[in-house]
Protein backbone atom coordinates (compact mmCIF):
# COMPACT_ATOMS: atom_id res chain seq x y z
CA MET A 1 -236.41 52.84 -181.69
CA SER A 2 -238.02 50.94 -184.47
CA ASN A 3 -240.68 52.54 -186.62
CA ALA A 4 -241.81 49.19 -188.04
CA SER A 5 -244.92 49.02 -185.88
CA ALA A 6 -246.20 52.26 -187.41
CA THR A 7 -245.92 51.00 -190.99
CA HIS A 8 -247.96 47.82 -191.12
CA THR A 9 -248.63 46.79 -194.67
CA ASN A 10 -251.16 44.33 -195.93
CA SER A 11 -248.80 41.73 -197.39
CA SER A 12 -251.67 39.61 -198.72
CA ALA A 13 -252.83 42.62 -200.74
CA TRP A 14 -249.42 43.05 -202.34
CA ILE A 15 -249.19 39.33 -203.10
CA ALA A 16 -252.60 39.53 -204.78
CA PHE A 17 -251.47 42.62 -206.69
CA TRP A 18 -248.30 41.03 -208.08
CA PHE A 19 -249.91 37.66 -208.85
CA GLY A 20 -252.80 39.44 -210.56
CA LEU A 21 -250.41 41.53 -212.64
CA ALA A 22 -248.33 38.48 -213.58
CA GLY A 23 -251.49 36.61 -214.57
CA LEU A 24 -252.59 39.50 -216.77
CA ILE A 25 -249.19 39.69 -218.45
CA LEU A 26 -248.93 35.93 -219.04
CA MET A 27 -252.53 35.42 -220.18
CA PRO A 28 -252.03 36.29 -223.90
CA ILE A 29 -249.47 33.48 -224.46
CA PRO A 30 -251.11 31.14 -226.99
CA LEU A 31 -251.62 27.37 -227.10
CA PHE A 32 -253.18 27.04 -223.62
CA ILE A 33 -249.94 28.19 -221.94
CA GLY A 34 -251.49 31.56 -221.09
CA LEU A 35 -254.66 29.86 -219.93
CA ILE A 36 -252.75 27.67 -217.49
CA LEU A 37 -250.20 30.24 -216.31
CA GLY A 38 -252.31 33.39 -216.40
CA GLY A 39 -255.49 31.71 -215.26
CA GLY A 40 -253.73 29.84 -212.47
CA LEU A 41 -252.00 32.94 -211.16
CA SER A 42 -255.24 34.92 -211.31
CA ILE A 43 -257.02 32.27 -209.22
CA VAL A 44 -254.24 32.41 -206.62
CA ALA A 45 -254.45 36.22 -206.73
CA ALA A 46 -258.21 36.05 -206.17
CA VAL A 47 -257.73 33.94 -203.04
CA PHE A 48 -255.13 36.34 -201.67
CA ALA A 49 -257.36 39.30 -202.60
CA VAL A 50 -260.23 37.95 -200.51
CA ILE A 51 -257.89 37.35 -197.57
CA ALA A 52 -256.40 40.84 -197.95
CA LEU A 53 -259.83 42.43 -198.22
CA LEU A 54 -260.93 40.80 -194.97
CA LYS A 55 -257.69 41.91 -193.27
CA GLY A 56 -258.08 45.44 -194.61
CA LEU A 57 -261.69 45.73 -193.49
CA ALA A 58 -260.69 44.50 -190.03
CA ARG A 59 -258.15 47.36 -189.91
CA SER A 60 -260.78 49.95 -190.94
CA GLY A 61 -259.89 49.94 -194.62
CA LYS A 62 -256.12 50.30 -194.44
CA GLY A 63 -254.22 48.51 -197.20
CA ILE A 64 -257.15 47.95 -199.54
CA ALA A 65 -255.80 49.92 -202.53
CA PRO A 66 -253.61 47.06 -203.86
CA VAL A 67 -256.62 44.75 -203.54
CA VAL A 68 -258.65 47.03 -205.80
CA PHE A 69 -255.94 46.98 -208.46
CA ALA A 70 -255.55 43.21 -208.06
CA ALA A 71 -259.29 42.79 -208.60
CA ILE A 72 -259.06 44.86 -211.79
CA PHE A 73 -256.14 42.72 -213.04
CA ILE A 74 -258.04 39.53 -212.19
CA LEU A 75 -261.18 40.68 -214.00
CA LEU A 76 -259.17 41.73 -217.06
CA THR A 77 -257.42 38.34 -217.08
CA TRP A 78 -260.66 36.39 -216.81
CA GLY A 79 -262.26 38.63 -219.44
CA GLY A 80 -259.33 38.06 -221.78
CA ILE A 81 -259.48 34.30 -221.26
CA SER A 82 -263.22 34.29 -221.96
CA LEU A 83 -262.51 36.06 -225.26
CA GLY A 84 -259.92 33.46 -226.27
CA GLY A 85 -256.73 34.81 -224.73
CA GLY A 86 -254.21 32.11 -223.95
CA ILE A 87 -256.09 29.56 -226.03
CA VAL A 88 -255.95 30.58 -229.68
CA TRP A 89 -252.90 31.57 -231.67
């Protein structure tokens, strides 16, 4: 008997988590490389975070924890870019 049906995970939430983390890590690279890589990944992470949040709310809040961390990573990335991260040397 398979126990896979009992352990549904919110895969969109984990995709948002990892893309958000990668965007945060890549954002400080100077000369617009961090802006393009980190900013691009954080936008993709934001899209997946919204999808994961809607899925999690439909399942009465299950699988929302990675979305919360992804949102924190996304906000830190966008805050770092607004302060010059990824743009200046």
